[in-house]
Amino acid sequence: MAEKVAALTGNDNYFEDFVAGSRMRHARGTTVGEVENQLMTKLVMNTADAHFNEQRMAATPFGHRLVFGLITGSIVIGLATQDTAENALAEVGLDRLMFRAPVFHGDTLTAYTEVLETRDADRDDAGIVRFKHWGLKQDDTVVFEGEREVLVKRRSHWGTR
């Protein structure tokens, strides 16, 4: 009996599938934990008290430690990846990153994306898609915005349906 092999990527996220102006709400959300924020913040050697010193932050208007902004941005882009970069060949760039509101341990983030532009690349097997991503926390506060360019496979070149 022949075994059917599952596809590694979806059928609707090749270069040809992205249309400028289309928007998507990504299916998954995630709650920001203490461990991943502390680990990643220390690995990149960010020493800001806002991320490490609970006692000092208790005396600020925030009331407690903040999640490092680049962790927030990484989570939002990660949540968008299944729909936007499953067939990516390369991340080309990040631009216009804005951190709109604080994120705290225990906040749950979700992501939205708009396709801003599609254009040809300097190769036949892929094109460049420019996305705008938004991250929101559980009360619908926008906490992150950023633009991202991705080199995405062309369906026609790879022989997929």
C-alpha atoms as a PDB file:
ATOM      1  CA  MET A   1       0.000   0.000   0.000  1.00  0.00           C
ATOM      2  CA  ALA A   2       1.407   3.404  -0.979  1.00  0.00           C
ATOM      3  CA  GLU A   3       1.782   5.874   1.853  1.00  0.00           C
ATOM      4  CA  LYS A   4       0.683   9.440   1.211  1.00  0.00           C
ATOM      5  CA  VAL A   5       3.305  11.997   2.220  1.00  0.00           C
ATOM      6  CA  ALA A   6       1.945  15.143   3.832  1.00  0.00           C
ATOM      7  CA  ALA A   7       2.947  18.429   2.257  1.00  0.00           C
ATOM      8  CA  LEU A   8       5.500  20.414   4.201  1.00  0.00           C
ATOM      9  CA  THR A   9       3.830  23.722   3.404  1.00  0.00           C
ATOM     10  CA  GLY A  10       0.342  25.014   2.686  1.00  0.00           C
ATOM     11  CA  ASN A  11      -1.077  25.493  -0.792  1.00  0.00           C
ATOM     12  CA  ASP A  12      -2.019  29.149  -0.491  1.00  0.00           C
ATOM     13  CA  ASN A  13       1.118  30.981   0.585  1.00  0.00           C
ATOM     14  CA  TYR A  14       3.292  31.099  -2.503  1.00  0.00           C
ATOM     15  CA  PHE A  15       4.286  34.417  -4.082  1.00  0.00           C
ATOM     16  CA  GLU A  16       1.353  34.323  -6.533  1.00  0.00           C
ATOM     17  CA  ASP A  17      -1.143  34.005  -3.665  1.00  0.00           C
ATOM     18  CA  PHE A  18      -0.305  37.326  -2.044  1.00  0.00           C
ATOM     19  CA  VAL A  19      -2.266  40.367  -3.249  1.00  0.00           C
ATOM     20  CA  ALA A  20      -1.551  43.914  -2.132  1.00  0.00           C
ATOM     21  CA  GLY A  21      -4.300  45.150   0.180  1.00  0.00           C
ATOM     22  CA  SER A  22      -5.324  41.733   1.485  1.00  0.00           C
ATOM     23  CA  ARG A  23      -5.442  41.337   5.254  1.00  0.00           C
ATOM     24  CA  MET A  24      -5.345  38.328   7.518  1.00  0.00           C
ATOM     25  CA  ARG A  25      -5.895  37.568  11.168  1.00  0.00           C
ATOM     26  CA  HIS A  26      -3.540  34.822  12.232  1.00  0.00           C
ATOM     27  CA  ALA A  27      -5.128  31.851  13.964  1.00  0.00           C
ATOM     28  CA  ARG A  28      -2.809  31.431  16.918  1.00  0.00           C
ATOM     29  CA  GLY A  29      -2.064  33.585  19.911  1.00  0.00           C
ATOM     30  CA  THR A  30       0.452  33.091  22.680  1.00  0.00           C
ATOM     31  CA  THR A  31       0.878  34.152  26.266  1.00  0.00           C
ATOM     32  CA  VAL A  32       4.225  35.756  27.034  1.00  0.00           C
ATOM     33  CA  GLY A  33       6.011  33.860  29.766  1.00  0.00           C
ATOM     34  CA  GLU A  34       8.620  34.933  32.252  1.00  0.00           C
ATOM     35  CA  VAL A  35      11.162  32.301  31.237  1.00  0.00           C
ATOM     36  CA  GLU A  36      11.382  33.012  27.511  1.00  0.00           C
ATOM     37  CA  ASN A  37      11.487  36.761  28.059  1.00  0.00           C
ATOM     38  CA  GLN A  38      14.208  36.556  30.686  1.00  0.00           C
ATOM     39  CA  LEU A  39      16.275  34.051  28.717  1.00  0.00           C
ATOM     40  CA  MET A  40      16.153  35.905  25.406  1.00  0.00           C
ATOM     41  CA  THR A  41      16.678  39.308  27.013  1.00  0.00           C
ATOM     42  CA  LYS A  42      19.809  38.036  28.749  1.00  0.00           C
ATOM     43  CA  LEU A  43      21.076  36.235  25.648  1.00  0.00           C
ATOM     44  CA  VAL A  44      21.117  39.517  23.710  1.00  0.00           C
ATOM     45  CA  MET A  45      22.735  41.209  26.720  1.00  0.00           C
ATOM     46  CA  ASN A  46      19.969  43.768  27.296  1.00  0.00           C
ATOM     47  CA  THR A  47      20.646  45.068  30.809  1.00  0.00           C
ATOM     48  CA  ALA A  48      17.742  47.510  31.207  1.00  0.00           C
ATOM     49  CA  ASP A  49      16.238  47.437  34.700  1.00  0.00           C
ATOM     50  CA  ALA A  50      12.798  47.606  33.114  1.00  0.00           C
ATOM     51  CA  HIS A  51      13.200  43.926  32.211  1.00  0.00           C
ATOM     52  CA  PHE A  52      15.007  42.609  35.299  1.00  0.00           C
ATOM     53  CA  ASN A  53      14.346  44.661  38.426  1.00  0.00           C
ATOM     54  CA  GLU A  54      10.851  44.024  39.792  1.00  0.00           C
ATOM     55  CA  GLN A  55      11.439  46.168  42.893  1.00  0.00           C
ATOM     56  CA  ARG A  56      12.570  49.200  40.919  1.00  0.00           C
ATOM     57  CA  MET A  57       9.771  48.814  38.367  1.00  0.00           C
ATOM     58  CA  ALA A  58       7.159  48.627  41.140  1.00  0.00           C
ATOM     59  CA  ALA A  59       7.840  52.303  41.809  1.00  0.00           C
ATOM     60  CA  THR A  60       7.182  53.316  38.160  1.00  0.00           C
ATOM     61  CA  PRO A  61       3.865  54.030  36.426  1.00  0.00           C
ATOM     62  CA  PHE A  62       4.118  50.554  34.865  1.00  0.00           C
ATOM     63  CA  GLY A  63       4.084  48.861  38.266  1.00  0.00           C
ATOM     64  CA  HIS A  64       6.182  45.864  37.235  1.00  0.00           C
ATOM     65  CA  ARG A  65       8.740  44.635  34.697  1.00  0.00           C
ATOM     66  CA  LEU A  66       8.230  45.009  30.963  1.00  0.00           C
ATOM     67  CA  VAL A  67       8.739  42.429  28.240  1.00  0.00           C
ATOM     68  CA  PHE A  68      11.714  43.378  26.046  1.00  0.00           C
ATOM     69  CA  GLY A  69      10.332  44.972  22.863  1.00  0.00           C
ATOM     70  CA  LEU A  70      12.269  42.770  20.475  1.00  0.00           C
ATOM     71  CA  ILE A  71      10.725  39.729  22.158  1.00  0.00           C
ATOM     72  CA  THR A  72       7.294  41.247  21.478  1.00  0.00           C
ATOM     73  CA  GLY A  73       8.208  41.877  17.830  1.00  0.00           C
ATOM     74  CA  SER A  74       9.626  38.381  17.423  1.00  0.00           C
ATOM     75  CA  ILE A  75       6.495  36.791  18.843  1.00  0.00           C
ATOM     76  CA  VAL A  76       4.226  38.783  16.514  1.00  0.00           C
ATOM     77  CA  ILE A  77       6.290  37.919  13.443  1.00  0.00           C
ATOM     78  CA  GLY A  78       6.422  34.299  14.582  1.00  0.00           C
ATOM     79  CA  LEU A  79       2.630  34.176  14.879  1.00  0.00           C
ATOM     80  CA  ALA A  80       2.379  35.494  11.297  1.00  0.00           C
ATOM     81  CA  THR A  81       4.947  33.110   9.829  1.00  0.00           C
ATOM     82  CA  GLN A  82       2.664  30.156   9.081  1.00  0.00           C
ATOM     83  CA  ASP A  83       0.563  32.337   6.785  1.00  0.00           C
ATOM     84  CA  THR A  84       3.267  34.612   5.381  1.00  0.00           C
ATOM     85  CA  ALA A  85       6.569  32.776   5.219  1.00  0.00           C
ATOM     86  CA  GLU A  86       5.934  29.067   5.044  1.00  0.00           C
ATOM     87  CA  ASN A  87       7.337  29.117   1.508  1.00  0.00           C
ATOM     88  CA  ALA A  88       9.987  31.739   2.211  1.00  0.00           C
ATOM     89  CA  LEU A  89      13.464  31.385   0.832  1.00  0.00           C
ATOM     90  CA  ALA A  90      14.860  34.339   2.799  1.00  0.00           C
ATOM     91  CA  GLU A  91      13.942  37.101   5.170  1.00  0.00           C
ATOM     92  CA  VAL A  92      14.933  40.261   3.292  1.00  0.00           C
ATOM     93  CA  GLY A  93      14.307  43.029   5.787  1.00  0.00           C
ATOM     94  CA  LEU A  94      12.504  44.547   8.747  1.00  0.00           C
ATOM     95  CA  ASP A  95      11.594  48.228   8.816  1.00  0.00           C
ATOM     96  CA  ARG A  96       9.453  50.777  10.650  1.00  0.00           C
ATOM     97  CA  LEU A  97       9.310  48.785  13.896  1.00  0.00           C
ATOM     98  CA  MET A  98       7.172  50.563  16.475  1.00  0.00           C
ATOM     99  CA  PHE A  99       6.401  49.478  19.996  1.00  0.00           C
ATOM    100  CA  ARG A 100       3.072  51.143  20.793  1.00  0.00           C
ATOM    101  CA  ALA A 101       2.292  49.965  24.320  1.00  0.00           C
ATOM    102  CA  PRO A 102       3.983  47.951  27.060  1.00  0.00           C
ATOM    103  CA  VAL A 103       3.714  44.185  27.244  1.00  0.00           C
ATOM    104  CA  PHE A 104       3.934  42.374  30.580  1.00  0.00           C
ATOM    105  CA  HIS A 105       4.514  38.737  31.544  1.00  0.00           C
ATOM    106  CA  GLY A 106       1.146  37.009  31.261  1.00  0.00           C
ATOM    107  CA  ASP A 107      -0.179  39.131  28.366  1.00  0.00           C
ATOM    108  CA  THR A 108      -1.522  37.160  25.412  1.00  0.00           C
ATOM    109  CA  LEU A 109      -0.526  38.383  21.953  1.00  0.00           C
ATOM    110  CA  THR A 110      -2.268  37.890  18.611  1.00  0.00           C
ATOM    111  CA  ALA A 111      -1.185  39.057  15.157  1.00  0.00           C
ATOM    112  CA  TYR A 112      -2.667  40.600  12.024  1.00  0.00           C
ATOM    113  CA  THR A 113      -1.032  41.194   8.655  1.00  0.00           C
ATOM    114  CA  GLU A 114      -1.649  43.266   5.544  1.00  0.00           C
ATOM    115  CA  VAL A 115       0.101  42.614   2.231  1.00  0.00           C
ATOM    116  CA  LEU A 116       1.536  45.990   1.247  1.00  0.00           C
ATOM    117  CA  GLU A 117       3.275  45.089  -2.001  1.00  0.00           C
ATOM    118  CA  THR A 118       4.458  42.256  -4.217  1.00  0.00           C
ATOM    119  CA  ARG A 119       7.290  42.657  -6.699  1.00  0.00           C
ATOM    120  CA  ASP A 120       9.642  40.641  -8.825  1.00  0.00           C
ATOM    121  CA  ALA A 121      12.991  39.626  -7.432  1.00  0.00           C
ATOM    122  CA  ASP A 122      16.276  39.213  -9.281  1.00  0.00           C
ATOM    123  CA  ARG A 123      15.523  35.512  -9.733  1.00  0.00           C
ATOM    124  CA  ASP A 124      12.861  33.485 -11.538  1.00  0.00           C
ATOM    125  CA  ASP A 125      11.855  31.121  -8.732  1.00  0.00           C
ATOM    126  CA  ALA A 126      10.647  33.730  -6.215  1.00  0.00           C
ATOM    127  CA  GLY A 127       9.312  37.214  -5.638  1.00  0.00           C
ATOM    128  CA  ILE A 128       9.379  39.698  -2.769  1.00  0.00           C
ATOM    129  CA  VAL A 129       6.350  40.327  -0.594  1.00  0.00           C
ATOM    130  CA  ARG A 130       6.216  43.310   1.763  1.00  0.00           C
ATOM    131  CA  PHE A 131       3.960  42.825   4.779  1.00  0.00           C
ATOM    132  CA  LYS A 132       2.801  45.048   7.604  1.00  0.00           C
ATOM    133  CA  HIS A 133       2.315  43.195  10.884  1.00  0.00           C
ATOM    134  CA  TRP A 134       0.404  44.294  13.972  1.00  0.00           C
ATOM    135  CA  GLY A 135       0.517  42.701  17.395  1.00  0.00           C
ATOM    136  CA  LEU A 136      -2.320  43.131  19.868  1.00  0.00           C
ATOM    137  CA  LYS A 137      -2.687  42.049  23.454  1.00  0.00           C
ATOM    138  CA  GLN A 138      -5.794  40.543  25.012  1.00  0.00           C
ATOM    139  CA  ASP A 139      -7.588  43.901  25.471  1.00  0.00           C
ATOM    140  CA  ASP A 140      -7.037  44.765  21.754  1.00  0.00           C
ATOM    141  CA  THR A 141      -4.312  47.302  22.530  1.00  0.00           C
ATOM    142  CA  VAL A 142      -1.896  47.527  19.614  1.00  0.00           C
ATOM    143  CA  VAL A 143       1.543  46.816  21.081  1.00  0.00           C
ATOM    144  CA  PHE A 144       3.638  46.368  17.931  1.00  0.00           C
ATOM    145  CA  GLU A 145       3.716  47.428  14.271  1.00  0.00           C
ATOM    146  CA  GLY A 146       6.355  46.606  11.731  1.00  0.00           C
ATOM    147  CA  GLU A 147       7.016  46.046   8.057  1.00  0.00           C
ATOM    148  CA  ARG A 148       8.789  42.985   6.739  1.00  0.00           C
ATOM    149  CA  GLU A 149      10.031  41.864   3.332  1.00  0.00           C
ATOM    150  CA  VAL A 150      10.239  38.186   2.488  1.00  0.00           C
ATOM    151  CA  LEU A 151      11.559  36.373  -0.586  1.00  0.00           C
ATOM    152  CA  VAL A 152       8.798  33.839  -1.297  1.00  0.00           C
ATOM    153  CA  LYS A 153       8.829  30.870  -3.695  1.00  0.00           C
ATOM    154  CA  ARG A 154       6.792  31.087  -6.882  1.00  0.00           C
ATOM    155  CA  ARG A 155       4.369  28.201  -7.236  1.00  0.00           C
ATOM    156  CA  SER A 156       4.878  27.990 -11.006  1.00  0.00           C
ATOM    157  CA  HIS A 157       8.623  27.470 -10.704  1.00  0.00           C
ATOM    158  CA  TRP A 158       8.458  24.749  -8.056  1.00  0.00           C
ATOM    159  CA  GLY A 159       5.815  22.693  -9.871  1.00  0.00           C
ATOM    160  CA  THR A 160       3.258  22.784  -7.056  1.00  0.00           C
ATOM    161  CA  ARG A 161      -0.436  22.932  -7.664  1.00  0.00           C
END
